[in-house]
Structures are given as structure tokens and as C-alpha cells.
PDB file of N, CA and C in Angstrom:
ATOM      1  N   MET A   1      31.663  13.401 -42.766  1.00  0.00           N
ATOM      2  CA  MET A   1      30.510  13.504 -42.853  1.00  0.00           C
ATOM      3  C   MET A   1      29.472  12.491 -43.517  1.00  0.00           C
ATOM      4  N   THR A   2      29.838  11.664 -44.012  1.00  0.00           N
ATOM      5  CA  THR A   2      29.169  10.169 -44.748  1.00  0.00           C
ATOM      6  C   THR A   2      28.843   9.750 -43.519  1.00  0.00           C
ATOM      7  N   LEU A   3      29.736   9.267 -42.860  1.00  0.00           N
ATOM      8  CA  LEU A   3      29.109   8.503 -41.533  1.00  0.00           C
ATOM      9  C   LEU A   3      28.262   9.376 -40.753  1.00  0.00           C
ATOM     10  N   LEU A   4      28.269  10.474 -40.320  1.00  0.00           N
ATOM     11  CA  LEU A   4      27.221  11.422 -39.929  1.00  0.00           C
ATOM     12  C   LEU A   4      25.816  11.217 -40.411  1.00  0.00           C
ATOM     13  N   GLY A   5      25.965  11.205 -41.479  1.00  0.00           N
ATOM     14  CA  GLY A   5      24.661  11.083 -42.739  1.00  0.00           C
ATOM     15  C   GLY A   5      23.992   9.812 -42.352  1.00  0.00           C
ATOM     16  N   PHE A   6      24.940   8.782 -42.621  1.00  0.00           N
ATOM     17  CA  PHE A   6      24.683   7.317 -42.596  1.00  0.00           C
ATOM     18  C   PHE A   6      23.848   7.131 -41.104  1.00  0.00           C
ATOM     19  N   VAL A   7      24.355   7.467 -39.981  1.00  0.00           N
ATOM     20  CA  VAL A   7      24.056   7.032 -38.618  1.00  0.00           C
ATOM     21  C   VAL A   7      22.622   7.905 -38.092  1.00  0.00           C
ATOM     22  N   PHE A   8      22.326   9.016 -38.793  1.00  0.00           N
ATOM     23  CA  PHE A   8      21.528   9.678 -38.771  1.00  0.00           C
ATOM     24  C   PHE A   8      20.248   9.478 -39.490  1.00  0.00           C
ATOM     25  N   GLY A   9      20.718   8.794 -40.729  1.00  0.00           N
ATOM     26  CA  GLY A   9      19.391   8.434 -41.513  1.00  0.00           C
ATOM     27  C   GLY A   9      19.202   6.982 -41.094  1.00  0.00           C
ATOM     28  N   LEU A  10      20.358   6.268 -40.353  1.00  0.00           N
ATOM     29  CA  LEU A  10      19.579   4.709 -40.078  1.00  0.00           C
ATOM     30  C   LEU A  10      18.946   4.880 -38.555  1.00  0.00           C
ATOM     31  N   SER A  11      19.181   6.085 -37.604  1.00  0.00           N
ATOM     32  CA  SER A  11      18.574   6.230 -36.536  1.00  0.00           C
ATOM     33  C   SER A  11      17.157   6.908 -36.606  1.00  0.00           C
ATOM     34  N   PHE A  12      17.172   7.661 -37.649  1.00  0.00           N
ATOM     35  CA  PHE A  12      15.865   7.984 -37.860  1.00  0.00           C
ATOM     36  C   PHE A  12      14.715   6.968 -38.542  1.00  0.00           C
ATOM     37  N   VAL A  13      15.410   5.868 -39.581  1.00  0.00           N
ATOM     38  CA  VAL A  13      14.473   4.893 -39.829  1.00  0.00           C
ATOM     39  C   VAL A  13      14.243   3.976 -38.953  1.00  0.00           C
ATOM     40  N   PHE A  14      15.185   3.679 -38.010  1.00  0.00           N
ATOM     41  CA  PHE A  14      14.728   2.809 -36.895  1.00  0.00           C
ATOM     42  C   PHE A  14      13.630   3.459 -35.958  1.00  0.00           C
ATOM     43  N   ASN A  15      14.072   4.828 -35.609  1.00  0.00           N
ATOM     44  CA  ASN A  15      12.812   5.076 -34.562  1.00  0.00           C
ATOM     45  C   ASN A  15      11.673   5.630 -35.214  1.00  0.00           C
ATOM     46  N   PHE A  16      11.294   5.610 -36.612  1.00  0.00           N
ATOM     47  CA  PHE A  16      10.138   5.915 -37.174  1.00  0.00           C
ATOM     48  C   PHE A  16       9.590   4.595 -37.204  1.00  0.00           C
ATOM     49  N   LEU A  17      10.223   3.503 -37.304  1.00  0.00           N
ATOM     50  CA  LEU A  17       9.690   1.955 -37.598  1.00  0.00           C
ATOM     51  C   LEU A  17       9.160   1.624 -36.095  1.00  0.00           C
ATOM     52  N   VAL A  18      10.182   1.816 -34.786  1.00  0.00           N
ATOM     53  CA  VAL A  18       9.431   1.839 -33.752  1.00  0.00           C
ATOM     54  C   VAL A  18       8.142   2.500 -33.391  1.00  0.00           C
ATOM     55  N   ASP A  19       8.354   3.428 -33.715  1.00  0.00           N
ATOM     56  CA  ASP A  19       6.830   4.455 -33.403  1.00  0.00           C
ATOM     57  C   ASP A  19       5.446   3.976 -34.251  1.00  0.00           C
ATOM     58  N   ILE A  20       6.065   3.516 -35.162  1.00  0.00           N
ATOM     59  CA  ILE A  20       4.555   2.658 -36.325  1.00  0.00           C
ATOM     60  C   ILE A  20       4.497   1.516 -35.234  1.00  0.00           C
ATOM     61  N   VAL A  21       5.486   0.701 -34.927  1.00  0.00           N
ATOM     62  CA  VAL A  21       4.930  -0.539 -34.655  1.00  0.00           C
ATOM     63  C   VAL A  21       4.380  -0.788 -32.962  1.00  0.00           C
ATOM     64  N   ILE A  22       5.115  -0.229 -32.060  1.00  0.00           N
ATOM     65  CA  ILE A  22       4.858   0.139 -30.881  1.00  0.00           C
ATOM     66  C   ILE A  22       4.674   1.390 -30.140  1.00  0.00           C
ATOM     67  N   GLY A  23       5.085   2.364 -30.922  1.00  0.00           N
ATOM     68  CA  GLY A  23       4.947   3.885 -30.318  1.00  0.00           C
ATOM     69  C   GLY A  23       5.834   3.658 -29.315  1.00  0.00           C
ATOM     70  N   GLN A  24       6.423   5.530 -29.033  1.00  0.00           N
ATOM     71  CA  GLN A  24       7.471   5.672 -28.218  1.00  0.00           C
ATOM     72  C   GLN A  24       6.951   6.658 -27.210  1.00  0.00           C
ATOM     73  N   ARG A  25       5.636   6.787 -26.596  1.00  0.00           N
ATOM     74  CA  ARG A  25       4.984   7.455 -25.790  1.00  0.00           C
ATOM     75  C   ARG A  25       3.873   6.611 -25.176  1.00  0.00           C
ATOM     76  N   VAL A  26       3.855   6.948 -23.932  1.00  0.00           N
ATOM     77  CA  VAL A  26       2.376   6.798 -22.796  1.00  0.00           C
ATOM     78  C   VAL A  26       1.463   7.795 -23.429  1.00  0.00           C
ATOM     79  N   SER A  27       0.038   7.185 -23.067  1.00  0.00           N
ATOM     80  CA  SER A  27      -0.820   7.877 -23.155  1.00  0.00           C
ATOM     81  C   SER A  27      -0.795   8.875 -22.648  1.00  0.00           C
ATOM     82  N   ALA A  28      -1.863  10.152 -22.676  1.00  0.00           N
ATOM     83  CA  ALA A  28      -1.664  11.405 -21.779  1.00  0.00           C
ATOM     84  C   ALA A  28      -2.170  11.105 -20.321  1.00  0.00           C
ATOM     85  N   GLU A  29      -3.268  10.229 -20.325  1.00  0.00           N
ATOM     86  CA  GLU A  29      -3.877   9.697 -18.961  1.00  0.00           C
ATOM     87  C   GLU A  29      -2.573   9.101 -18.345  1.00  0.00           C
ATOM     88  N   SER A  30      -1.935   8.538 -18.925  1.00  0.00           N
ATOM     89  CA  SER A  30      -0.985   7.640 -18.086  1.00  0.00           C
ATOM     90  C   SER A  30      -0.110   8.418 -17.473  1.00  0.00           C
ATOM     91  N   GLU A  31       0.563   9.722 -18.433  1.00  0.00           N
ATOM     92  CA  GLU A  31       1.448  10.548 -18.128  1.00  0.00           C
ATOM     93  C   GLU A  31       0.998  11.276 -16.963  1.00  0.00           C
ATOM     94  N   LEU A  32      -0.210  11.744 -16.729  1.00  0.00           N
ATOM     95  CA  LEU A  32      -0.608  12.495 -15.791  1.00  0.00           C
ATOM     96  C   LEU A  32      -1.246  11.931 -14.678  1.00  0.00           C
ATOM     97  N   ALA A  33      -1.128  10.175 -14.707  1.00  0.00           N
ATOM     98  CA  ALA A  33      -1.337   9.692 -13.168  1.00  0.00           C
ATOM     99  C   ALA A  33      -0.089   9.711 -12.904  1.00  0.00           C
ATOM    100  N   GLY A  34       1.189   9.526 -13.753  1.00  0.00           N
ATOM    101  CA  GLY A  34       2.372   9.523 -13.239  1.00  0.00           C
ATOM    102  C   GLY A  34       2.646   7.768 -13.468  1.00  0.00           C
ATOM    103  N   LEU A  35       4.304   7.883 -13.916  1.00  0.00           N
ATOM    104  CA  LEU A  35       4.916   6.673 -14.283  1.00  0.00           C
ATOM    105  C   LEU A  35       6.021   6.125 -13.361  1.00  0.00           C
ATOM    106  N   ASP A  36       5.986   6.902 -12.260  1.00  0.00           N
ATOM    107  CA  ASP A  36       6.889   6.288 -11.165  1.00  0.00           C
ATOM    108  C   ASP A  36       6.777   5.052 -10.405  1.00  0.00           C
ATOM    109  N   VAL A  37       5.648   4.820 -10.108  1.00  0.00           N
ATOM    110  CA  VAL A  37       5.262   3.669  -9.461  1.00  0.00           C
ATOM    111  C   VAL A  37       5.620   2.452 -10.524  1.00  0.00           C
ATOM    112  N   PRO A  38       4.805   2.534 -11.898  1.00  0.00           N
ATOM    113  CA  PRO A  38       4.685   1.319 -12.577  1.00  0.00           C
ATOM    114  C   PRO A  38       6.061   1.055 -13.356  1.00  0.00           C
ATOM    115  N   GLU A  39       7.205   2.070 -13.275  1.00  0.00           N
ATOM    116  CA  GLU A  39       8.248   2.057 -13.736  1.00  0.00           C
ATOM    117  C   GLU A  39       9.577   1.830 -12.905  1.00  0.00           C
ATOM    118  N   MET A  40       9.571   2.168 -11.549  1.00  0.00           N
ATOM    119  CA  MET A  40      10.421   2.121 -10.280  1.00  0.00           C
ATOM    120  C   MET A  40       9.935   1.587  -9.444  1.00  0.00           C
ATOM    121  N   GLY A  41       8.638   1.500  -9.314  1.00  0.00           N
ATOM    122  CA  GLY A  41       7.844   0.804  -8.092  1.00  0.00           C
ATOM    123  C   GLY A  41       8.013   2.012  -6.629  1.00  0.00           C
ATOM    124  N   ALA A  42       8.304   2.771  -6.990  1.00  0.00           N
ATOM    125  CA  ALA A  42       8.096   4.009  -5.808  1.00  0.00           C
ATOM    126  C   ALA A  42       7.578   5.161  -6.527  1.00  0.00           C
ATOM    127  N   VAL A  43       6.856   6.156  -5.379  1.00  0.00           N
ATOM    128  CA  VAL A  43       6.786   6.906  -5.771  1.00  0.00           C
ATOM    129  C   VAL A  43       7.871   8.578  -6.159  1.00  0.00           C
ATOM    130  N   GLY A  44       8.386   9.133  -6.858  1.00  0.00           N
ATOM    131  CA  GLY A  44       9.257   9.929  -6.982  1.00  0.00           C
ATOM    132  C   GLY A  44       9.466  11.379  -6.234  1.00  0.00           C
ATOM    133  N   TYR A  45       8.149  11.535  -6.181  1.00  0.00           N
ATOM    134  CA  TYR A  45       7.812  13.060  -5.419  1.00  0.00           C
ATOM    135  C   TYR A  45       6.862  12.815  -4.528  1.00  0.00           C
ATOM    136  N   PRO A  46       6.612  12.200  -3.294  1.00  0.00           N
ATOM    137  CA  PRO A  46       5.195  11.988  -2.526  1.00  0.00           C
ATOM    138  C   PRO A  46       4.561  13.457  -2.387  1.00  0.00           C
ATOM    139  N   GLU A  47       5.628  14.334  -2.181  1.00  0.00           N
ATOM    140  CA  GLU A  47       5.156  15.603  -1.669  1.00  0.00           C
ATOM    141  C   GLU A  47       4.125  16.402  -2.607  1.00  0.00           C
ATOM    142  N   PHE A  48       4.185  16.208  -4.065  1.00  0.00           N
ATOM    143  CA  PHE A  48       4.004  16.866  -5.160  1.00  0.00           C
ATOM    144  C   PHE A  48       2.405  16.358  -5.534  1.00  0.00           C
ATOM    145  N   VAL A  49       1.516  17.333  -5.464  1.00  0.00           N
ATOM    146  CA  VAL A  49       0.281  17.014  -5.851  1.00  0.00           C
ATOM    147  C   VAL A  49      -0.497  17.790  -6.976  1.00  0.00           C
ATOM    148  N   LEU A  50      -0.890  17.106  -7.575  1.00  0.00           N
ATOM    149  CA  LEU A  50      -1.611  18.352  -8.978  1.00  0.00           C
ATOM    150  C   LEU A  50      -3.156  18.270  -8.234  1.00  0.00           C
ATOM    151  N   ARG A  51      -3.365  19.708  -8.203  1.00  0.00           N
ATOM    152  CA  ARG A  51      -4.661  20.188  -7.742  1.00  0.00           C
ATOM    153  C   ARG A  51      -5.120  21.686  -9.000  1.00  0.00           C
ATOM    154  N   PRO A  52      -6.282  21.712  -8.672  1.00  0.00           N
ATOM    155  CA  PRO A  52      -6.978  22.772  -9.446  1.00  0.00           C
ATOM    156  C   PRO A  52      -6.048  24.202  -9.324  1.00  0.00           C
ATOM    157  N   HIS A  53      -6.022  24.884 -10.179  1.00  0.00           N
ATOM    158  CA  HIS A  53      -5.484  25.974 -10.035  1.00  0.00           C
ATOM    159  C   HIS A  53      -6.252  26.956  -9.059  1.00  0.00           C
ATOM    160  N   HIS A  54      -7.662  26.939  -9.063  1.00  0.00           N
ATOM    161  CA  HIS A  54      -8.094  27.499  -7.786  1.00  0.00           C
ATOM    162  C   HIS A  54      -7.933  27.312  -6.337  1.00  0.00           C
ATOM    163  N   GLU A  55      -7.665  26.266  -6.091  1.00  0.00           N
ATOM    164  CA  GLU A  55      -7.311  25.586  -4.766  1.00  0.00           C
ATOM    165  C   GLU A  55      -6.178  26.618  -4.296  1.00  0.00           C
ATOM    166  N   LYS A  56      -5.997  26.879  -3.157  1.00  0.00           N
ATOM    167  CA  LYS A  56      -5.073  27.528  -2.159  1.00  0.00           C
ATOM    168  C   LYS A  56      -3.742  26.486  -1.772  1.00  0.00           C
ATOM    169  N   ALA A  57      -2.578  26.414  -1.733  1.00  0.00           N
ATOM    170  CA  ALA A  57      -1.686  26.083  -0.934  1.00  0.00           C
ATOM    171  C   ALA A  57      -2.005  26.014   0.281  1.00  0.00           C
ATOM    172  N   PRO A  58      -1.724  24.580   0.521  1.00  0.00           N
ATOM    173  CA  PRO A  58      -1.701  24.880   2.439  1.00  0.00           C
ATOM    174  C   PRO A  58      -0.568  25.626   3.220  1.00  0.00           C
ATOM    175  N   ALA A  59      -0.872  26.495   4.085  1.00  0.00           N
ATOM    176  CA  ALA A  59      -0.210  27.327   5.242  1.00  0.00           C
ATOM    177  C   ALA A  59       1.219  26.658   5.300  1.00  0.00           C
ATOM    178  N   GLY A  60       1.915  27.463   5.198  1.00  0.00           N
ATOM    179  CA  GLY A  60       3.548  27.054   5.427  1.00  0.00           C
ATOM    180  C   GLY A  60       4.063  26.448   4.170  1.00  0.00           C
ATOM    181  N   GLY A  61       3.499  26.548   3.097  1.00  0.00           N
ATOM    182  CA  GLY A  61       3.953  25.798   1.896  1.00  0.00           C
ATOM    183  C   GLY A  61       4.835  26.834   1.141  1.00  0.00           C
ATOM    184  N   LEU A  62       5.371  26.747  -0.003  1.00  0.00           N
ATOM    185  CA  LEU A  62       6.345  27.284  -0.567  1.00  0.00           C
ATOM    186  C   LEU A  62       5.847  28.506  -0.933  1.00  0.00           C
ATOM    187  N   GLY A  63       4.454  28.448  -1.352  1.00  0.00           N
ATOM    188  CA  GLY A  63       4.078  29.708  -1.851  1.00  0.00           C
ATOM    189  C   GLY A  63       4.042  30.918  -0.702  1.00  0.00           C
ATOM    190  N   ASP A  64       3.907  30.544   0.717  1.00  0.00           N
ATOM    191  CA  ASP A  64       4.177  31.676   1.705  1.00  0.00           C
ATOM    192  C   ASP A  64       5.443  32.387   1.485  1.00  0.00           C
ATOM    193  N   ALA A  65       6.473  31.625   1.587  1.00  0.00           N
ATOM    194  CA  ALA A  65       7.845  32.108   0.923  1.00  0.00           C
ATOM    195  C   ALA A  65       7.930  32.705   0.372  1.00  0.00           C
ATOM    196  N   ALA A  66       7.594  32.790  -1.012  1.00  0.00           N
ATOM    197  CA  ALA A  66       7.738  33.604  -1.952  1.00  0.00           C
ATOM    198  C   ALA A  66       6.895  34.933  -2.058  1.00  0.00           C
ATOM    199  N   GLN A  67       5.733  34.890  -0.828  1.00  0.00           N
ATOM    200  CA  GLN A  67       5.098  36.088  -0.944  1.00  0.00           C
ATOM    201  C   GLN A  67       5.732  36.951   0.437  1.00  0.00           C
ATOM    202  N   ALA A  68       6.520  36.588   1.383  1.00  0.00           N
ATOM    203  CA  ALA A  68       7.337  37.115   2.455  1.00  0.00           C
ATOM    204  C   ALA A  68       8.471  37.794   1.948  1.00  0.00           C
TER     205      ALA A  68
END
């Protein structure tokens, strides 16, 4: 139990310091723009496109199968 407490405490302090010094998250704008290209050099899901809710999906999309 002592080892568990030590490892948890050390990990907590380390992550707290990393968060203060350089941060552990990207900005909301970067997250919405996508991290696939900057991180991996390729688009992860090329068929996935964010669009407003009021736009309809193109004919033949997954939405049509769910309604049938």
C-alpha cells in the first residue's frame, strides 16, 4: 500500500508540474481543426466532415440507412 501511495503521489506531482510548465492539452481551436495532420502527417478520417446541425447529410449517407 505504501508503494501505491508513493507512485500515485509522485505521478500526481509530476503531472501537476508538467501542466504548469508546458501544459498537457492543446487549444480548443487546434483540437477542432484536427491533430491528425500535425501529429501523424495524414488525415485520420477523410470522410468525416464537421458541419452545422441544420445541414442535411448527402443522399446515400449513413443517415438514410438508419431511417429505412
